[in-house]
């Protein structure tokens, strides 16, 4: 198929993070396939059969390599669009390998703390001080995106209005928060003795990766006073409706 210029004229963020989005969608498929390696054999055996042979190999391999694959995709996007990445995000972007390693070290100190199942469950005290404020607003936007995207967008507008960050910085951080929880959830699959629980971790990770795709694909233009006023008004309506 020939790609026409019209098809290439995609929103800026979607094009700038194309390799990352593609890697995330591949990860979603791999997680689903890993769960299928467990549930598929169970579905095929005779109902009276007690023992079922399943494979967790793909699940474990994915949990060990996912963060490296996603970090590589981020690096490839940065190489393809160096000026766009530099303009969109002033602060250095922490790798997923570093984020997961930091949390893993913290879990070890606490004697094996539970794997977080939500963005809000990931503590911020390991975040460098210069990136703490961005992490906090990114976490908030990520949490609200699943339940109410419009309210999440309103929060982005408020943060932009305060003058601390750009919309792209916030959305990038929110997406990274979603990915980090997805990777930690996937990592938790290796600690499960029950194959069905390991498969459940794979499917839970899919939810977080899907949110990351949505956040990475979002292309908001809210840096103008008109857009800031619009989203503050939308947030007030959302507050009154609760």
C-alpha atoms as a PDB file:
ATOM      1  CA  UNK A   1       0.000   0.000   0.000  1.00  0.00           C
ATOM      2  CA  UNK A   2       1.288   3.460  -0.860  1.00  0.00           C
ATOM      3  CA  UNK A   3       1.128   5.963   1.975  1.00  0.00           C
ATOM      4  CA  UNK A   4      -0.139   9.300   0.727  1.00  0.00           C
ATOM      5  CA  UNK A   5       0.983  12.668   2.146  1.00  0.00           C
ATOM      6  CA  UNK A   6      -2.450  13.012   3.780  1.00  0.00           C
ATOM      7  CA  UNK A   7      -1.885   9.849   5.787  1.00  0.00           C
ATOM      8  CA  UNK A   8       1.509  11.121   6.896  1.00  0.00           C
ATOM      9  CA  UNK A   9       0.002  14.339   8.253  1.00  0.00           C
ATOM     10  CA  UNK A  10      -0.668  12.846  11.690  1.00  0.00           C
ATOM     11  CA  UNK A  11      -0.833  14.803  14.962  1.00  0.00           C
ATOM     12  CA  UNK A  12       2.617  15.895  16.088  1.00  0.00           C
ATOM     13  CA  UNK A  13       2.823  13.784  19.251  1.00  0.00           C
ATOM     14  CA  UNK A  14       1.579  10.653  17.541  1.00  0.00           C
ATOM     15  CA  UNK A  15       4.275  10.934  14.907  1.00  0.00           C
ATOM     16  CA  UNK A  16       6.978  11.994  17.344  1.00  0.00           C
ATOM     17  CA  UNK A  17       6.349   8.924  19.533  1.00  0.00           C
ATOM     18  CA  UNK A  18       5.495   6.476  16.745  1.00  0.00           C
ATOM     19  CA  UNK A  19       8.090   3.836  17.694  1.00  0.00           C
ATOM     20  CA  UNK A  20       7.055   4.006  21.352  1.00  0.00           C
ATOM     21  CA  UNK A  21       3.362   3.629  20.503  1.00  0.00           C
ATOM     22  CA  UNK A  22       4.142   0.725  18.173  1.00  0.00           C
ATOM     23  CA  UNK A  23       6.190  -0.967  20.901  1.00  0.00           C
ATOM     24  CA  UNK A  24       3.355  -0.523  23.396  1.00  0.00           C
ATOM     25  CA  UNK A  25       0.783  -2.038  21.040  1.00  0.00           C
ATOM     26  CA  UNK A  26       3.159  -4.946  20.416  1.00  0.00           C
ATOM     27  CA  UNK A  27       3.515  -5.326  24.188  1.00  0.00           C
ATOM     28  CA  UNK A  28      -0.273  -5.430  24.582  1.00  0.00           C
ATOM     29  CA  UNK A  29      -0.487  -8.241  22.044  1.00  0.00           C
ATOM     30  CA  UNK A  30       2.365 -10.140  23.695  1.00  0.00           C
ATOM     31  CA  UNK A  31       0.727  -9.860  27.127  1.00  0.00           C
ATOM     32  CA  UNK A  32      -2.558 -11.169  25.742  1.00  0.00           C
ATOM     33  CA  UNK A  33      -0.716 -13.989  23.987  1.00  0.00           C
ATOM     34  CA  UNK A  34       1.072 -14.897  27.234  1.00  0.00           C
ATOM     35  CA  UNK A  35      -2.263 -15.145  29.032  1.00  0.00           C
ATOM     36  CA  UNK A  36      -3.547 -17.258  26.147  1.00  0.00           C
ATOM     37  CA  UNK A  37      -0.702 -19.717  26.727  1.00  0.00           C
ATOM     38  CA  UNK A  38      -2.355 -20.437  30.075  1.00  0.00           C
ATOM     39  CA  UNK A  39      -6.055 -20.198  29.323  1.00  0.00           C
ATOM     40  CA  UNK A  40      -5.881 -21.780  25.862  1.00  0.00           C
ATOM     41  CA  UNK A  41      -4.758 -25.250  27.030  1.00  0.00           C
ATOM     42  CA  UNK A  42      -7.287 -25.155  29.869  1.00  0.00           C
ATOM     43  CA  UNK A  43     -10.050 -24.509  27.347  1.00  0.00           C
ATOM     44  CA  UNK A  44      -8.960 -27.426  25.152  1.00  0.00           C
ATOM     45  CA  UNK A  45      -8.740 -30.271  27.684  1.00  0.00           C
ATOM     46  CA  UNK A  46     -11.507 -32.636  28.626  1.00  0.00           C
ATOM     47  CA  UNK A  47     -13.703 -31.145  31.393  1.00  0.00           C
ATOM     48  CA  UNK A  48     -12.994 -34.115  33.640  1.00  0.00           C
ATOM     49  CA  UNK A  49      -9.217 -33.760  33.432  1.00  0.00           C
ATOM     50  CA  UNK A  50      -7.616 -32.353  36.589  1.00  0.00           C
ATOM     51  CA  UNK A  51      -4.052 -31.567  35.519  1.00  0.00           C
ATOM     52  CA  UNK A  52      -3.391 -29.253  32.564  1.00  0.00           C
ATOM     53  CA  UNK A  53       0.020 -28.512  31.076  1.00  0.00           C
ATOM     54  CA  UNK A  54       0.482 -24.777  30.419  1.00  0.00           C
ATOM     55  CA  UNK A  55       3.467 -22.608  29.529  1.00  0.00           C
ATOM     56  CA  UNK A  56       4.603 -19.482  31.343  1.00  0.00           C
ATOM     57  CA  UNK A  57       7.773 -19.140  29.264  1.00  0.00           C
ATOM     58  CA  UNK A  58       6.522 -16.242  27.128  1.00  0.00           C
ATOM     59  CA  UNK A  59       5.131 -14.488  30.192  1.00  0.00           C
ATOM     60  CA  UNK A  60       8.434 -14.688  32.068  1.00  0.00           C
ATOM     61  CA  UNK A  61      10.503 -13.695  29.033  1.00  0.00           C
ATOM     62  CA  UNK A  62       8.271 -10.684  28.475  1.00  0.00           C
ATOM     63  CA  UNK A  63       8.511  -9.569  32.104  1.00  0.00           C
ATOM     64  CA  UNK A  64      12.308  -9.630  31.856  1.00  0.00           C
ATOM     65  CA  UNK A  65      12.637  -7.811  28.537  1.00  0.00           C
ATOM     66  CA  UNK A  66       9.662  -5.420  28.318  1.00  0.00           C
ATOM     67  CA  UNK A  67      11.340  -2.407  29.921  1.00  0.00           C
ATOM     68  CA  UNK A  68      14.391  -2.745  27.671  1.00  0.00           C
ATOM     69  CA  UNK A  69      12.236  -2.951  24.535  1.00  0.00           C
ATOM     70  CA  UNK A  70      10.273   0.153  25.510  1.00  0.00           C
ATOM     71  CA  UNK A  71      13.408   2.107  26.434  1.00  0.00           C
ATOM     72  CA  UNK A  72      14.852   1.245  23.029  1.00  0.00           C
ATOM     73  CA  UNK A  73      11.700   2.517  21.316  1.00  0.00           C
ATOM     74  CA  UNK A  74      11.949   5.819  23.220  1.00  0.00           C
ATOM     75  CA  UNK A  75      15.579   6.162  22.119  1.00  0.00           C
ATOM     76  CA  UNK A  76      14.650   5.442  18.498  1.00  0.00           C
ATOM     77  CA  UNK A  77      11.967   8.140  18.554  1.00  0.00           C
ATOM     78  CA  UNK A  78      14.463  10.590  20.040  1.00  0.00           C
ATOM     79  CA  UNK A  79      16.931   9.777  17.257  1.00  0.00           C
ATOM     80  CA  UNK A  80      14.273  10.273  14.580  1.00  0.00           C
ATOM     81  CA  UNK A  81      12.941  13.546  16.013  1.00  0.00           C
ATOM     82  CA  UNK A  82      15.795  15.043  18.079  1.00  0.00           C
ATOM     83  CA  UNK A  83      14.580  18.633  17.818  1.00  0.00           C
ATOM     84  CA  UNK A  84      10.976  17.690  18.589  1.00  0.00           C
ATOM     85  CA  UNK A  85      11.956  15.695  21.677  1.00  0.00           C
ATOM     86  CA  UNK A  86      14.250  18.473  22.916  1.00  0.00           C
ATOM     87  CA  UNK A  87      11.539  21.084  22.476  1.00  0.00           C
ATOM     88  CA  UNK A  88       8.797  18.990  24.077  1.00  0.00           C
ATOM     89  CA  UNK A  89      10.662  18.041  27.248  1.00  0.00           C
ATOM     90  CA  UNK A  90      13.293  20.143  28.966  1.00  0.00           C
ATOM     91  CA  UNK A  91      14.049  17.735  31.845  1.00  0.00           C
ATOM     92  CA  UNK A  92      15.836  14.422  31.168  1.00  0.00           C
ATOM     93  CA  UNK A  93      13.497  11.461  30.811  1.00  0.00           C
ATOM     94  CA  UNK A  94      14.075   8.634  33.287  1.00  0.00           C
ATOM     95  CA  UNK A  95      14.339   5.228  31.676  1.00  0.00           C
ATOM     96  CA  UNK A  96      11.854   2.488  32.493  1.00  0.00           C
ATOM     97  CA  UNK A  97      14.749   0.243  33.513  1.00  0.00           C
ATOM     98  CA  UNK A  98      15.777   2.834  36.132  1.00  0.00           C
ATOM     99  CA  UNK A  99      12.206   3.362  37.347  1.00  0.00           C
ATOM    100  CA  UNK A 100      11.621  -0.375  37.808  1.00  0.00           C
ATOM    101  CA  UNK A 101      15.037  -0.910  39.416  1.00  0.00           C
ATOM    102  CA  UNK A 102      14.366   1.886  41.922  1.00  0.00           C
ATOM    103  CA  UNK A 103      11.063   0.345  42.940  1.00  0.00           C
ATOM    104  CA  UNK A 104      12.588  -3.146  43.033  1.00  0.00           C
ATOM    105  CA  UNK A 105      15.281  -1.941  45.437  1.00  0.00           C
ATOM    106  CA  UNK A 106      12.633  -0.338  47.622  1.00  0.00           C
ATOM    107  CA  UNK A 107      10.596  -3.564  47.705  1.00  0.00           C
ATOM    108  CA  UNK A 108      13.706  -5.505  48.759  1.00  0.00           C
ATOM    109  CA  UNK A 109      14.346  -3.095  51.642  1.00  0.00           C
ATOM    110  CA  UNK A 110      10.751  -3.534  52.798  1.00  0.00           C
ATOM    111  CA  UNK A 111      10.988  -7.316  52.598  1.00  0.00           C
ATOM    112  CA  UNK A 112       8.930  -7.781  49.445  1.00  0.00           C
ATOM    113  CA  UNK A 113       6.227  -5.113  49.420  1.00  0.00           C
ATOM    114  CA  UNK A 114       3.184  -5.861  47.229  1.00  0.00           C
ATOM    115  CA  UNK A 115       3.448  -5.048  43.538  1.00  0.00           C
ATOM    116  CA  UNK A 116       1.453  -1.831  42.884  1.00  0.00           C
ATOM    117  CA  UNK A 117      -1.722  -2.260  40.853  1.00  0.00           C
ATOM    118  CA  UNK A 118      -2.392   1.443  40.331  1.00  0.00           C
ATOM    119  CA  UNK A 119      -0.349   4.505  39.472  1.00  0.00           C
ATOM    120  CA  UNK A 120      -1.113   6.094  42.827  1.00  0.00           C
ATOM    121  CA  UNK A 121       0.442   3.126  44.639  1.00  0.00           C
ATOM    122  CA  UNK A 122       3.923   3.889  43.259  1.00  0.00           C
ATOM    123  CA  UNK A 123       5.727   6.036  45.864  1.00  0.00           C
ATOM    124  CA  UNK A 124       7.456   9.223  44.786  1.00  0.00           C
ATOM    125  CA  UNK A 125      10.322   9.391  47.268  1.00  0.00           C
ATOM    126  CA  UNK A 126      12.749   7.783  44.784  1.00  0.00           C
ATOM    127  CA  UNK A 127      12.013  10.450  42.168  1.00  0.00           C
ATOM    128  CA  UNK A 128      14.843  13.031  41.815  1.00  0.00           C
ATOM    129  CA  UNK A 129      13.869  16.304  43.494  1.00  0.00           C
ATOM    130  CA  UNK A 130      14.010  18.251  40.228  1.00  0.00           C
ATOM    131  CA  UNK A 131      11.456  15.900  38.681  1.00  0.00           C
ATOM    132  CA  UNK A 132       9.164  15.476  41.693  1.00  0.00           C
ATOM    133  CA  UNK A 133       6.608  18.122  40.705  1.00  0.00           C
ATOM    134  CA  UNK A 134       6.309  16.751  37.160  1.00  0.00           C
ATOM    135  CA  UNK A 135       5.971  13.204  38.498  1.00  0.00           C
ATOM    136  CA  UNK A 136       3.153  14.259  40.812  1.00  0.00           C
ATOM    137  CA  UNK A 137       1.109  16.050  38.153  1.00  0.00           C
ATOM    138  CA  UNK A 138       1.785  13.233  35.677  1.00  0.00           C
ATOM    139  CA  UNK A 139       0.579  10.665  38.215  1.00  0.00           C
ATOM    140  CA  UNK A 140      -2.591  12.665  38.856  1.00  0.00           C
ATOM    141  CA  UNK A 141      -3.363  13.021  35.137  1.00  0.00           C
ATOM    142  CA  UNK A 142      -2.707   9.312  34.566  1.00  0.00           C
ATOM    143  CA  UNK A 143      -5.012   8.283  37.425  1.00  0.00           C
ATOM    144  CA  UNK A 144      -7.862  10.453  36.177  1.00  0.00           C
ATOM    145  CA  UNK A 145      -7.455   9.583  32.501  1.00  0.00           C
ATOM    146  CA  UNK A 146      -8.984   6.125  32.927  1.00  0.00           C
ATOM    147  CA  UNK A 147     -12.126   7.334  34.708  1.00  0.00           C
ATOM    148  CA  UNK A 148     -12.632  10.769  33.172  1.00  0.00           C
ATOM    149  CA  UNK A 149     -10.324  11.901  30.330  1.00  0.00           C
ATOM    150  CA  UNK A 150     -11.941  15.339  30.210  1.00  0.00           C
ATOM    151  CA  UNK A 151     -11.164  15.942  33.858  1.00  0.00           C
ATOM    152  CA  UNK A 152      -7.609  14.725  33.270  1.00  0.00           C
ATOM    153  CA  UNK A 153      -7.272  17.208  30.403  1.00  0.00           C
ATOM    154  CA  UNK A 154      -8.558  19.938  32.702  1.00  0.00           C
ATOM    155  CA  UNK A 155      -5.759  19.100  35.140  1.00  0.00           C
ATOM    156  CA  UNK A 156      -3.232  19.388  32.321  1.00  0.00           C
ATOM    157  CA  UNK A 157      -4.681  22.794  31.482  1.00  0.00           C
ATOM    158  CA  UNK A 158      -4.340  23.952  35.087  1.00  0.00           C
ATOM    159  CA  UNK A 159      -0.715  22.837  35.290  1.00  0.00           C
ATOM    160  CA  UNK A 160       0.084  24.572  32.002  1.00  0.00           C
ATOM    161  CA  UNK A 161      -1.652  27.729  33.247  1.00  0.00           C
ATOM    162  CA  UNK A 162       0.610  27.711  36.310  1.00  0.00           C
ATOM    163  CA  UNK A 163       3.537  28.022  33.909  1.00  0.00           C
ATOM    164  CA  UNK A 164       5.612  25.155  35.259  1.00  0.00           C
ATOM    165  CA  UNK A 165       5.255  22.617  32.451  1.00  0.00           C
ATOM    166  CA  UNK A 166       4.089  22.215  28.886  1.00  0.00           C
ATOM    167  CA  UNK A 167       1.195  19.928  27.951  1.00  0.00           C
ATOM    168  CA  UNK A 168       3.627  17.582  26.185  1.00  0.00           C
ATOM    169  CA  UNK A 169       5.804  17.249  29.287  1.00  0.00           C
ATOM    170  CA  UNK A 170       2.806  16.364  31.433  1.00  0.00           C
ATOM    171  CA  UNK A 171       1.346  13.880  28.963  1.00  0.00           C
ATOM    172  CA  UNK A 172       4.747  12.235  28.472  1.00  0.00           C
ATOM    173  CA  UNK A 173       5.192  11.846  32.224  1.00  0.00           C
ATOM    174  CA  UNK A 174       1.631  10.550  32.649  1.00  0.00           C
ATOM    175  CA  UNK A 175       2.246   7.963  29.929  1.00  0.00           C
ATOM    176  CA  UNK A 176       5.535   6.952  31.564  1.00  0.00           C
ATOM    177  CA  UNK A 177       3.736   6.520  34.902  1.00  0.00           C
ATOM    178  CA  UNK A 178       1.190   4.207  33.257  1.00  0.00           C
ATOM    179  CA  UNK A 179       3.934   2.194  31.575  1.00  0.00           C
ATOM    180  CA  UNK A 180       5.891   1.873  34.825  1.00  0.00           C
ATOM    181  CA  UNK A 181       2.911   0.383  36.663  1.00  0.00           C
ATOM    182  CA  UNK A 182       2.289  -1.932  33.705  1.00  0.00           C
ATOM    183  CA  UNK A 183       5.896  -3.133  33.833  1.00  0.00           C
ATOM    184  CA  UNK A 184       5.780  -3.627  37.609  1.00  0.00           C
ATOM    185  CA  UNK A 185       2.520  -5.555  37.249  1.00  0.00           C
ATOM    186  CA  UNK A 186       4.089  -7.715  34.557  1.00  0.00           C
ATOM    187  CA  UNK A 187       7.157  -8.237  36.738  1.00  0.00           C
ATOM    188  CA  UNK A 188       4.866  -9.503  39.497  1.00  0.00           C
ATOM    189  CA  UNK A 189       3.846 -12.408  37.278  1.00  0.00           C
ATOM    190  CA  UNK A 190       7.168 -14.113  38.005  1.00  0.00           C
ATOM    191  CA  UNK A 191       6.326 -14.347  41.697  1.00  0.00           C
ATOM    192  CA  UNK A 192       3.085 -16.267  41.144  1.00  0.00           C
ATOM    193  CA  UNK A 193       2.972 -20.006  41.813  1.00  0.00           C
ATOM    194  CA  UNK A 194      -0.494 -20.284  40.236  1.00  0.00           C
ATOM    195  CA  UNK A 195      -0.282 -19.982  36.417  1.00  0.00           C
ATOM    196  CA  UNK A 196      -3.727 -18.374  36.239  1.00  0.00           C
ATOM    197  CA  UNK A 197      -2.553 -15.605  38.595  1.00  0.00           C
ATOM    198  CA  UNK A 198       0.487 -15.025  36.397  1.00  0.00           C
ATOM    199  CA  UNK A 199      -1.848 -14.754  33.401  1.00  0.00           C
ATOM    200  CA  UNK A 200      -3.979 -12.270  35.355  1.00  0.00           C
ATOM    201  CA  UNK A 201      -0.920 -10.065  35.874  1.00  0.00           C
ATOM    202  CA  UNK A 202      -0.321 -10.093  32.126  1.00  0.00           C
ATOM    203  CA  UNK A 203      -3.879  -8.952  31.480  1.00  0.00           C
ATOM    204  CA  UNK A 204      -3.719  -6.281  34.181  1.00  0.00           C
ATOM    205  CA  UNK A 205      -0.574  -4.935  32.527  1.00  0.00           C
ATOM    206  CA  UNK A 206      -2.526  -4.604  29.259  1.00  0.00           C
ATOM    207  CA  UNK A 207      -4.855  -2.069  30.888  1.00  0.00           C
ATOM    208  CA  UNK A 208      -1.945   0.153  31.923  1.00  0.00           C
ATOM    209  CA  UNK A 209      -0.217  -0.108  28.549  1.00  0.00           C
ATOM    210  CA  UNK A 210      -3.471   0.811  26.793  1.00  0.00           C
ATOM    211  CA  UNK A 211      -3.767   3.955  28.944  1.00  0.00           C
ATOM    212  CA  UNK A 212      -0.173   4.798  28.032  1.00  0.00           C
ATOM    213  CA  UNK A 213      -1.034   4.534  24.325  1.00  0.00           C
ATOM    214  CA  UNK A 214      -3.960   6.915  24.777  1.00  0.00           C
ATOM    215  CA  UNK A 215      -1.823   9.429  26.677  1.00  0.00           C
ATOM    216  CA  UNK A 216       1.021   9.222  24.174  1.00  0.00           C
ATOM    217  CA  UNK A 217      -1.382   9.659  21.254  1.00  0.00           C
ATOM    218  CA  UNK A 218      -3.147  12.674  22.796  1.00  0.00           C
ATOM    219  CA  UNK A 219      -2.234  15.923  21.074  1.00  0.00           C
ATOM    220  CA  UNK A 220      -3.561  18.797  23.184  1.00  0.00           C
ATOM    221  CA  UNK A 221      -3.315  22.464  22.298  1.00  0.00           C
ATOM    222  CA  UNK A 222      -3.964  24.122  25.625  1.00  0.00           C
ATOM    223  CA  UNK A 223      -1.099  26.575  25.915  1.00  0.00           C
ATOM    224  CA  UNK A 224      -3.240  29.586  24.980  1.00  0.00           C
ATOM    225  CA  UNK A 225      -5.377  31.599  27.443  1.00  0.00           C
ATOM    226  CA  UNK A 226      -8.491  30.561  25.480  1.00  0.00           C
ATOM    227  CA  UNK A 227      -7.796  26.856  26.002  1.00  0.00           C
ATOM    228  CA  UNK A 228      -6.800  27.372  29.628  1.00  0.00           C
ATOM    229  CA  UNK A 229     -10.130  29.112  30.337  1.00  0.00           C
ATOM    230  CA  UNK A 230     -12.015  26.364  28.492  1.00  0.00           C
ATOM    231  CA  UNK A 231     -10.511  23.573  30.553  1.00  0.00           C
ATOM    232  CA  UNK A 232     -10.886  25.410  33.857  1.00  0.00           C
ATOM    233  CA  UNK A 233     -14.584  25.801  33.010  1.00  0.00           C
ATOM    234  CA  UNK A 234     -14.847  22.091  32.141  1.00  0.00           C
ATOM    235  CA  UNK A 235     -13.216  21.173  35.449  1.00  0.00           C
ATOM    236  CA  UNK A 236     -15.686  23.344  37.403  1.00  0.00           C
ATOM    237  CA  UNK A 237     -18.584  21.570  35.655  1.00  0.00           C
ATOM    238  CA  UNK A 238     -17.064  18.185  36.540  1.00  0.00           C
ATOM    239  CA  UNK A 239     -16.683  19.276  40.184  1.00  0.00           C
ATOM    240  CA  UNK A 240     -20.319  20.413  40.430  1.00  0.00           C
ATOM    241  CA  UNK A 241     -21.557  17.117  38.949  1.00  0.00           C
ATOM    242  CA  UNK A 242     -19.904  15.044  41.679  1.00  0.00           C
END
